[in-house]
């Protein structure tokens, strides 16, 4: 049995992933859009942000002495508002969308540095008319809530091999693919699917100097700001690969 988030119910399967869950891609598009349609733009269409290890994206907007148990589903609005986080999202869903199985980030990226982290988060965006809980002792604002569903990171120098790390060539597009782990989650009708991309996630992930080096021995002076590009063209179609229940192949 597995617990399906989004609908908050237990389900039983004969196999995993479910037999009717078909592989689909959520493609990044210009203007922050996210779609099951492949991008049609030619050339090197991309979005860009600056990643500064001195000002990392926090993994939570709360202050505490340890990671809270809620951080796995925490509201990501604070991150989406930052200039060093790219945001791609669908239109409001006309029908429920159930994702069941592995989730994979499949990116085409470049950096002005020689190493970089790539963090991808899959997020469920609640509609603007979603009611707040009653009672609501913590004052949670559910309208537009951005619930973290899955997230993971790839330290870029290990993109091709964990045994043989490789530097990036500054400005050269590279293919970076990694798992976000399996999920069973339903994005309800009226919600949006969002993907956030960033290069820091502190303190959940230690900071990367964005220079190809031994991070654990790197002096503070080695840490550099870098320009990051995420490509979304016909030739370099960045996407998140999911299994969708009941979807046509």
C-alpha atoms as a PDB file:
ATOM      1  CA  UNK A   1       0.000   0.000   0.000  1.00  0.00           C
ATOM      2  CA  UNK A   2       1.116   3.546  -0.782  1.00  0.00           C
ATOM      3  CA  UNK A   3      -0.219   6.869   0.483  1.00  0.00           C
ATOM      4  CA  UNK A   4      -1.263   9.222  -2.298  1.00  0.00           C
ATOM      5  CA  UNK A   5      -0.639  12.857  -1.424  1.00  0.00           C
ATOM      6  CA  UNK A   6      -2.923  15.487  -2.894  1.00  0.00           C
ATOM      7  CA  UNK A   7      -5.943  13.253  -2.349  1.00  0.00           C
ATOM      8  CA  UNK A   8      -4.756  11.984   1.068  1.00  0.00           C
ATOM      9  CA  UNK A   9      -5.732   8.342   0.587  1.00  0.00           C
ATOM     10  CA  UNK A  10      -4.140   4.913   0.760  1.00  0.00           C
ATOM     11  CA  UNK A  11      -3.916   2.863  -2.430  1.00  0.00           C
ATOM     12  CA  UNK A  12      -2.861  -0.694  -3.213  1.00  0.00           C
ATOM     13  CA  UNK A  13      -0.955  -1.668  -6.373  1.00  0.00           C
ATOM     14  CA  UNK A  14      -0.035  -5.026  -7.901  1.00  0.00           C
ATOM     15  CA  UNK A  15       3.127  -3.518  -9.382  1.00  0.00           C
ATOM     16  CA  UNK A  16       5.153  -0.298  -9.233  1.00  0.00           C
ATOM     17  CA  UNK A  17       5.069   1.895 -11.170  1.00  0.00           C
ATOM     18  CA  UNK A  18       1.385   1.193 -11.898  1.00  0.00           C
ATOM     19  CA  UNK A  19       0.739  -0.629 -15.175  1.00  0.00           C
ATOM     20  CA  UNK A  20      -1.251   2.275 -16.618  1.00  0.00           C
ATOM     21  CA  UNK A  21       1.284   4.975 -15.695  1.00  0.00           C
ATOM     22  CA  UNK A  22       2.819   6.256 -18.932  1.00  0.00           C
ATOM     23  CA  UNK A  23       6.034   8.239 -19.270  1.00  0.00           C
ATOM     24  CA  UNK A  24       5.443  11.913 -20.062  1.00  0.00           C
ATOM     25  CA  UNK A  25       7.652  14.990 -20.118  1.00  0.00           C
ATOM     26  CA  UNK A  26       6.855  18.361 -18.623  1.00  0.00           C
ATOM     27  CA  UNK A  27       8.862  20.694 -20.863  1.00  0.00           C
ATOM     28  CA  UNK A  28      10.217  24.092 -19.890  1.00  0.00           C
ATOM     29  CA  UNK A  29       8.937  26.824 -22.205  1.00  0.00           C
ATOM     30  CA  UNK A  30       9.656  30.533 -22.767  1.00  0.00           C
ATOM     31  CA  UNK A  31       8.028  33.039 -20.398  1.00  0.00           C
ATOM     32  CA  UNK A  32       8.078  30.602 -17.486  1.00  0.00           C
ATOM     33  CA  UNK A  33       5.562  28.189 -18.949  1.00  0.00           C
ATOM     34  CA  UNK A  34       5.491  24.431 -18.364  1.00  0.00           C
ATOM     35  CA  UNK A  35       3.763  22.068 -20.787  1.00  0.00           C
ATOM     36  CA  UNK A  36       3.528  18.483 -22.004  1.00  0.00           C
ATOM     37  CA  UNK A  37       4.195  19.914 -25.483  1.00  0.00           C
ATOM     38  CA  UNK A  38       7.812  19.938 -26.640  1.00  0.00           C
ATOM     39  CA  UNK A  39       9.321  23.396 -27.255  1.00  0.00           C
ATOM     40  CA  UNK A  40       9.375  24.476 -30.891  1.00  0.00           C
ATOM     41  CA  UNK A  41      11.791  27.408 -30.693  1.00  0.00           C
ATOM     42  CA  UNK A  42      15.069  27.022 -32.574  1.00  0.00           C
ATOM     43  CA  UNK A  43      18.510  28.220 -31.538  1.00  0.00           C
ATOM     44  CA  UNK A  44      19.649  28.508 -27.933  1.00  0.00           C
ATOM     45  CA  UNK A  45      16.514  29.674 -26.135  1.00  0.00           C
ATOM     46  CA  UNK A  46      17.314  29.910 -22.396  1.00  0.00           C
ATOM     47  CA  UNK A  47      16.579  31.561 -19.078  1.00  0.00           C
ATOM     48  CA  UNK A  48      19.411  32.903 -16.948  1.00  0.00           C
ATOM     49  CA  UNK A  49      20.034  33.691 -13.290  1.00  0.00           C
ATOM     50  CA  UNK A  50      22.981  34.572 -11.073  1.00  0.00           C
ATOM     51  CA  UNK A  51      23.959  32.129  -8.348  1.00  0.00           C
ATOM     52  CA  UNK A  52      25.917  33.598  -5.434  1.00  0.00           C
ATOM     53  CA  UNK A  53      27.240  31.136  -2.800  1.00  0.00           C
ATOM     54  CA  UNK A  54      27.421  34.067  -0.375  1.00  0.00           C
ATOM     55  CA  UNK A  55      23.630  34.503  -0.676  1.00  0.00           C
ATOM     56  CA  UNK A  56      22.314  30.942  -1.071  1.00  0.00           C
ATOM     57  CA  UNK A  57      18.663  30.052  -1.543  1.00  0.00           C
ATOM     58  CA  UNK A  58      17.513  28.747   1.848  1.00  0.00           C
ATOM     59  CA  UNK A  59      15.796  25.378   2.107  1.00  0.00           C
ATOM     60  CA  UNK A  60      13.184  26.920   4.414  1.00  0.00           C
ATOM     61  CA  UNK A  61      11.981  30.392   5.309  1.00  0.00           C
ATOM     62  CA  UNK A  62      11.692  29.426   8.988  1.00  0.00           C
ATOM     63  CA  UNK A  63      14.331  29.880  11.686  1.00  0.00           C
ATOM     64  CA  UNK A  64      15.098  26.795  13.741  1.00  0.00           C
ATOM     65  CA  UNK A  65      17.823  24.610  15.191  1.00  0.00           C
ATOM     66  CA  UNK A  66      17.090  21.656  12.875  1.00  0.00           C
ATOM     67  CA  UNK A  67      15.066  20.765   9.793  1.00  0.00           C
ATOM     68  CA  UNK A  68      11.411  20.511  10.744  1.00  0.00           C
ATOM     69  CA  UNK A  69       9.409  17.453   9.735  1.00  0.00           C
ATOM     70  CA  UNK A  70       7.242  19.730   7.563  1.00  0.00           C
ATOM     71  CA  UNK A  71      10.128  20.795   5.299  1.00  0.00           C
ATOM     72  CA  UNK A  72       9.375  18.024   2.770  1.00  0.00           C
ATOM     73  CA  UNK A  73       6.049  19.680   1.883  1.00  0.00           C
ATOM     74  CA  UNK A  74       6.915  23.270   2.824  1.00  0.00           C
ATOM     75  CA  UNK A  75       5.556  26.330   1.026  1.00  0.00           C
ATOM     76  CA  UNK A  76       7.999  27.414  -1.702  1.00  0.00           C
ATOM     77  CA  UNK A  77       6.606  30.895  -2.369  1.00  0.00           C
ATOM     78  CA  UNK A  78       9.587  32.467  -0.632  1.00  0.00           C
ATOM     79  CA  UNK A  79      11.928  30.736  -3.098  1.00  0.00           C
ATOM     80  CA  UNK A  80       9.847  31.466  -6.212  1.00  0.00           C
ATOM     81  CA  UNK A  81      10.068  35.187  -5.420  1.00  0.00           C
ATOM     82  CA  UNK A  82      13.878  35.195  -5.570  1.00  0.00           C
ATOM     83  CA  UNK A  83      15.798  36.302  -8.700  1.00  0.00           C
ATOM     84  CA  UNK A  84      18.134  33.286  -8.393  1.00  0.00           C
ATOM     85  CA  UNK A  85      15.298  30.761  -8.783  1.00  0.00           C
ATOM     86  CA  UNK A  86      13.740  29.943 -12.167  1.00  0.00           C
ATOM     87  CA  UNK A  87      10.023  29.142 -12.148  1.00  0.00           C
ATOM     88  CA  UNK A  88       8.066  27.218 -14.796  1.00  0.00           C
ATOM     89  CA  UNK A  89       4.375  26.408 -14.326  1.00  0.00           C
ATOM     90  CA  UNK A  90       1.397  25.042 -16.210  1.00  0.00           C
ATOM     91  CA  UNK A  91      -1.984  26.643 -16.698  1.00  0.00           C
ATOM     92  CA  UNK A  92      -4.601  25.600 -14.110  1.00  0.00           C
ATOM     93  CA  UNK A  93      -5.379  21.927 -14.636  1.00  0.00           C
ATOM     94  CA  UNK A  94      -8.717  21.086 -16.228  1.00  0.00           C
ATOM     95  CA  UNK A  95      -8.677  17.601 -14.632  1.00  0.00           C
ATOM     96  CA  UNK A  96      -6.844  15.826 -11.817  1.00  0.00           C
ATOM     97  CA  UNK A  97      -3.301  14.769 -12.755  1.00  0.00           C
ATOM     98  CA  UNK A  98      -1.838  11.784 -10.892  1.00  0.00           C
ATOM     99  CA  UNK A  99       1.908  11.203 -11.022  1.00  0.00           C
ATOM    100  CA  UNK A 100       2.892   7.691  -9.960  1.00  0.00           C
ATOM    101  CA  UNK A 101       6.461   6.454 -10.232  1.00  0.00           C
ATOM    102  CA  UNK A 102       9.954   7.846 -10.738  1.00  0.00           C
ATOM    103  CA  UNK A 103      10.551  11.558 -11.362  1.00  0.00           C
ATOM    104  CA  UNK A 104      13.640  12.606 -13.337  1.00  0.00           C
ATOM    105  CA  UNK A 105      15.152  16.013 -14.030  1.00  0.00           C
ATOM    106  CA  UNK A 106      16.495  16.143 -17.608  1.00  0.00           C
ATOM    107  CA  UNK A 107      18.261  19.479 -18.079  1.00  0.00           C
ATOM    108  CA  UNK A 108      20.367  21.290 -20.650  1.00  0.00           C
ATOM    109  CA  UNK A 109      22.403  23.887 -18.791  1.00  0.00           C
ATOM    110  CA  UNK A 110      25.545  25.974 -18.829  1.00  0.00           C
ATOM    111  CA  UNK A 111      27.457  27.988 -16.264  1.00  0.00           C
ATOM    112  CA  UNK A 112      30.029  30.754 -16.352  1.00  0.00           C
ATOM    113  CA  UNK A 113      31.966  28.815 -13.713  1.00  0.00           C
ATOM    114  CA  UNK A 114      33.638  25.414 -13.853  1.00  0.00           C
ATOM    115  CA  UNK A 115      31.311  23.605 -11.425  1.00  0.00           C
ATOM    116  CA  UNK A 116      27.734  24.132 -10.299  1.00  0.00           C
ATOM    117  CA  UNK A 117      24.899  22.511  -8.397  1.00  0.00           C
ATOM    118  CA  UNK A 118      21.533  22.047 -10.115  1.00  0.00           C
ATOM    119  CA  UNK A 119      18.519  21.817  -7.820  1.00  0.00           C
ATOM    120  CA  UNK A 120      15.106  20.895  -9.248  1.00  0.00           C
ATOM    121  CA  UNK A 121      11.880  20.999  -7.239  1.00  0.00           C
ATOM    122  CA  UNK A 122       8.458  19.697  -8.299  1.00  0.00           C
ATOM    123  CA  UNK A 123       5.749  21.864  -6.714  1.00  0.00           C
ATOM    124  CA  UNK A 124       1.935  21.757  -6.412  1.00  0.00           C
ATOM    125  CA  UNK A 125       0.473  25.278  -6.685  1.00  0.00           C
ATOM    126  CA  UNK A 126      -2.904  25.709  -4.988  1.00  0.00           C
ATOM    127  CA  UNK A 127      -5.575  27.937  -6.572  1.00  0.00           C
ATOM    128  CA  UNK A 128      -6.167  31.487  -5.383  1.00  0.00           C
ATOM    129  CA  UNK A 129      -9.583  30.609  -3.949  1.00  0.00           C
ATOM    130  CA  UNK A 130      -8.373  27.659  -1.852  1.00  0.00           C
ATOM    131  CA  UNK A 131      -9.777  27.960   1.709  1.00  0.00           C
ATOM    132  CA  UNK A 132      -7.589  28.198   4.808  1.00  0.00           C
ATOM    133  CA  UNK A 133      -7.831  25.381   7.382  1.00  0.00           C
ATOM    134  CA  UNK A 134     -10.209  25.748  10.312  1.00  0.00           C
ATOM    135  CA  UNK A 135      -8.930  26.092  12.944  1.00  0.00           C
ATOM    136  CA  UNK A 136      -5.737  27.744  11.705  1.00  0.00           C
ATOM    137  CA  UNK A 137      -3.455  28.258  14.735  1.00  0.00           C
ATOM    138  CA  UNK A 138      -0.327  28.829  12.614  1.00  0.00           C
ATOM    139  CA  UNK A 139      -2.022  31.340  10.298  1.00  0.00           C
ATOM    140  CA  UNK A 140      -1.292  29.361   7.135  1.00  0.00           C
ATOM    141  CA  UNK A 141      -2.342  31.147   3.921  1.00  0.00           C
ATOM    142  CA  UNK A 142      -3.433  28.424   1.504  1.00  0.00           C
ATOM    143  CA  UNK A 143      -4.349  30.672  -1.439  1.00  0.00           C
ATOM    144  CA  UNK A 144      -1.522  30.215  -3.924  1.00  0.00           C
ATOM    145  CA  UNK A 145       0.326  27.835  -1.579  1.00  0.00           C
ATOM    146  CA  UNK A 146       3.307  26.190  -3.314  1.00  0.00           C
ATOM    147  CA  UNK A 147       3.626  22.717  -1.805  1.00  0.00           C
ATOM    148  CA  UNK A 148       6.941  20.946  -2.321  1.00  0.00           C
ATOM    149  CA  UNK A 149       6.272  17.493  -3.784  1.00  0.00           C
ATOM    150  CA  UNK A 150       9.790  16.363  -4.673  1.00  0.00           C
ATOM    151  CA  UNK A 151      13.228  17.948  -4.839  1.00  0.00           C
ATOM    152  CA  UNK A 152      16.814  16.865  -5.377  1.00  0.00           C
ATOM    153  CA  UNK A 153      20.220  18.133  -6.450  1.00  0.00           C
ATOM    154  CA  UNK A 154      22.998  17.109  -8.826  1.00  0.00           C
ATOM    155  CA  UNK A 155      26.495  18.382  -8.106  1.00  0.00           C
ATOM    156  CA  UNK A 156      27.405  19.182 -11.676  1.00  0.00           C
ATOM    157  CA  UNK A 157      30.919  17.785 -11.736  1.00  0.00           C
ATOM    158  CA  UNK A 158      29.406  14.319 -11.175  1.00  0.00           C
ATOM    159  CA  UNK A 159      26.941  14.641 -14.092  1.00  0.00           C
ATOM    160  CA  UNK A 160      28.649  11.904 -16.106  1.00  0.00           C
ATOM    161  CA  UNK A 161      30.299   9.826 -13.386  1.00  0.00           C
ATOM    162  CA  UNK A 162      30.524   9.778  -9.604  1.00  0.00           C
ATOM    163  CA  UNK A 163      33.963   8.167  -9.872  1.00  0.00           C
ATOM    164  CA  UNK A 164      35.456  10.691 -12.309  1.00  0.00           C
ATOM    165  CA  UNK A 165      34.296  14.276 -11.688  1.00  0.00           C
ATOM    166  CA  UNK A 166      34.592  16.654 -14.650  1.00  0.00           C
ATOM    167  CA  UNK A 167      34.696  20.463 -14.799  1.00  0.00           C
ATOM    168  CA  UNK A 168      32.312  22.492 -16.905  1.00  0.00           C
ATOM    169  CA  UNK A 169      33.641  24.547 -19.789  1.00  0.00           C
ATOM    170  CA  UNK A 170      32.332  28.060 -19.059  1.00  0.00           C
ATOM    171  CA  UNK A 171      29.370  28.862 -21.292  1.00  0.00           C
ATOM    172  CA  UNK A 172      29.209  25.415 -22.907  1.00  0.00           C
ATOM    173  CA  UNK A 173      25.774  23.701 -22.730  1.00  0.00           C
ATOM    174  CA  UNK A 174      25.812  20.336 -20.971  1.00  0.00           C
ATOM    175  CA  UNK A 175      23.241  17.595 -20.409  1.00  0.00           C
ATOM    176  CA  UNK A 176      22.517  17.000 -16.705  1.00  0.00           C
ATOM    177  CA  UNK A 177      20.114  14.213 -15.728  1.00  0.00           C
ATOM    178  CA  UNK A 178      19.253  12.986 -12.222  1.00  0.00           C
ATOM    179  CA  UNK A 179      16.477  11.380 -10.171  1.00  0.00           C
ATOM    180  CA  UNK A 180      14.102  13.199  -7.836  1.00  0.00           C
ATOM    181  CA  UNK A 181      12.857   9.851  -6.456  1.00  0.00           C
ATOM    182  CA  UNK A 182       9.469   8.205  -6.883  1.00  0.00           C
ATOM    183  CA  UNK A 183       6.220   9.857  -5.890  1.00  0.00           C
ATOM    184  CA  UNK A 184       2.492   9.196  -5.765  1.00  0.00           C
ATOM    185  CA  UNK A 185       0.803  12.572  -5.888  1.00  0.00           C
ATOM    186  CA  UNK A 186      -2.346  14.002  -7.454  1.00  0.00           C
ATOM    187  CA  UNK A 187      -2.387  17.590  -8.631  1.00  0.00           C
ATOM    188  CA  UNK A 188      -6.057  18.436  -8.239  1.00  0.00           C
ATOM    189  CA  UNK A 189      -8.212  20.170 -10.848  1.00  0.00           C
ATOM    190  CA  UNK A 190      -7.601  23.930 -10.707  1.00  0.00           C
ATOM    191  CA  UNK A 191      -4.073  23.493  -9.306  1.00  0.00           C
ATOM    192  CA  UNK A 192      -0.918  24.160 -11.323  1.00  0.00           C
ATOM    193  CA  UNK A 193       2.215  22.055 -11.718  1.00  0.00           C
ATOM    194  CA  UNK A 194       5.363  24.085 -11.055  1.00  0.00           C
ATOM    195  CA  UNK A 195       9.056  23.323 -11.443  1.00  0.00           C
ATOM    196  CA  UNK A 196      11.680  25.464  -9.712  1.00  0.00           C
ATOM    197  CA  UNK A 197      15.370  25.413 -10.704  1.00  0.00           C
ATOM    198  CA  UNK A 198      18.147  26.887  -8.576  1.00  0.00           C
ATOM    199  CA  UNK A 199      21.825  26.286  -7.765  1.00  0.00           C
ATOM    200  CA  UNK A 200      21.894  26.562  -3.961  1.00  0.00           C
ATOM    201  CA  UNK A 201      19.722  24.943  -1.270  1.00  0.00           C
ATOM    202  CA  UNK A 202      21.270  25.846   2.067  1.00  0.00           C
ATOM    203  CA  UNK A 203      21.763  24.290   4.592  1.00  0.00           C
ATOM    204  CA  UNK A 204      20.170  21.153   3.116  1.00  0.00           C
ATOM    205  CA  UNK A 205      23.024  21.092   0.563  1.00  0.00           C
ATOM    206  CA  UNK A 206      26.465  22.493   1.351  1.00  0.00           C
ATOM    207  CA  UNK A 207      27.562  25.416  -0.796  1.00  0.00           C
ATOM    208  CA  UNK A 208      29.417  24.835  -4.063  1.00  0.00           C
ATOM    209  CA  UNK A 209      32.257  27.321  -4.808  1.00  0.00           C
ATOM    210  CA  UNK A 210      31.167  27.075  -8.477  1.00  0.00           C
ATOM    211  CA  UNK A 211      34.815  26.406  -9.232  1.00  0.00           C
ATOM    212  CA  UNK A 212      36.081  22.895  -9.987  1.00  0.00           C
ATOM    213  CA  UNK A 213      37.915  22.036  -6.778  1.00  0.00           C
ATOM    214  CA  UNK A 214      37.835  19.926  -3.638  1.00  0.00           C
ATOM    215  CA  UNK A 215      34.944  21.681  -1.910  1.00  0.00           C
ATOM    216  CA  UNK A 216      35.851  20.445   1.555  1.00  0.00           C
ATOM    217  CA  UNK A 217      39.286  22.078   1.354  1.00  0.00           C
ATOM    218  CA  UNK A 218      38.268  25.208  -0.567  1.00  0.00           C
ATOM    219  CA  UNK A 219      39.060  28.539   1.117  1.00  0.00           C
ATOM    220  CA  UNK A 220      36.346  31.174   1.315  1.00  0.00           C
ATOM    221  CA  UNK A 221      38.116  33.180  -1.405  1.00  0.00           C
ATOM    222  CA  UNK A 222      37.462  30.329  -3.869  1.00  0.00           C
ATOM    223  CA  UNK A 223      33.693  30.858  -3.838  1.00  0.00           C
ATOM    224  CA  UNK A 224      32.505  32.736  -6.937  1.00  0.00           C
ATOM    225  CA  UNK A 225      29.227  34.082  -8.266  1.00  0.00           C
ATOM    226  CA  UNK A 226      28.210  32.458 -11.562  1.00  0.00           C
ATOM    227  CA  UNK A 227      25.737  33.046 -14.375  1.00  0.00           C
ATOM    228  CA  UNK A 228      23.551  30.006 -14.906  1.00  0.00           C
ATOM    229  CA  UNK A 229      21.554  29.194 -18.037  1.00  0.00           C
ATOM    230  CA  UNK A 230      18.775  26.650 -18.448  1.00  0.00           C
ATOM    231  CA  UNK A 231      17.938  25.923 -22.100  1.00  0.00           C
ATOM    232  CA  UNK A 232      14.474  25.147 -23.482  1.00  0.00           C
ATOM    233  CA  UNK A 233      14.648  24.946 -27.273  1.00  0.00           C
ATOM    234  CA  UNK A 234      13.818  22.211 -29.766  1.00  0.00           C
ATOM    235  CA  UNK A 235      17.478  21.177 -29.761  1.00  0.00           C
ATOM    236  CA  UNK A 236      17.923  21.413 -25.975  1.00  0.00           C
ATOM    237  CA  UNK A 237      14.506  20.650 -24.435  1.00  0.00           C
ATOM    238  CA  UNK A 238      14.909  20.753 -20.659  1.00  0.00           C
ATOM    239  CA  UNK A 239      12.137  18.832 -18.925  1.00  0.00           C
ATOM    240  CA  UNK A 240      11.005  16.844 -15.920  1.00  0.00           C
ATOM    241  CA  UNK A 241      10.115  13.236 -16.769  1.00  0.00           C
ATOM    242  CA  UNK A 242       7.149  11.762 -14.879  1.00  0.00           C
ATOM    243  CA  UNK A 243       4.789   8.762 -15.000  1.00  0.00           C
ATOM    244  CA  UNK A 244       1.166   9.838 -15.427  1.00  0.00           C
ATOM    245  CA  UNK A 245      -1.661   7.455 -14.585  1.00  0.00           C
ATOM    246  CA  UNK A 246      -4.083   6.865 -17.419  1.00  0.00           C
ATOM    247  CA  UNK A 247      -2.108   9.008 -19.877  1.00  0.00           C
ATOM    248  CA  UNK A 248      -1.820   7.999 -23.536  1.00  0.00           C
ATOM    249  CA  UNK A 249       1.663   7.046 -24.683  1.00  0.00           C
END
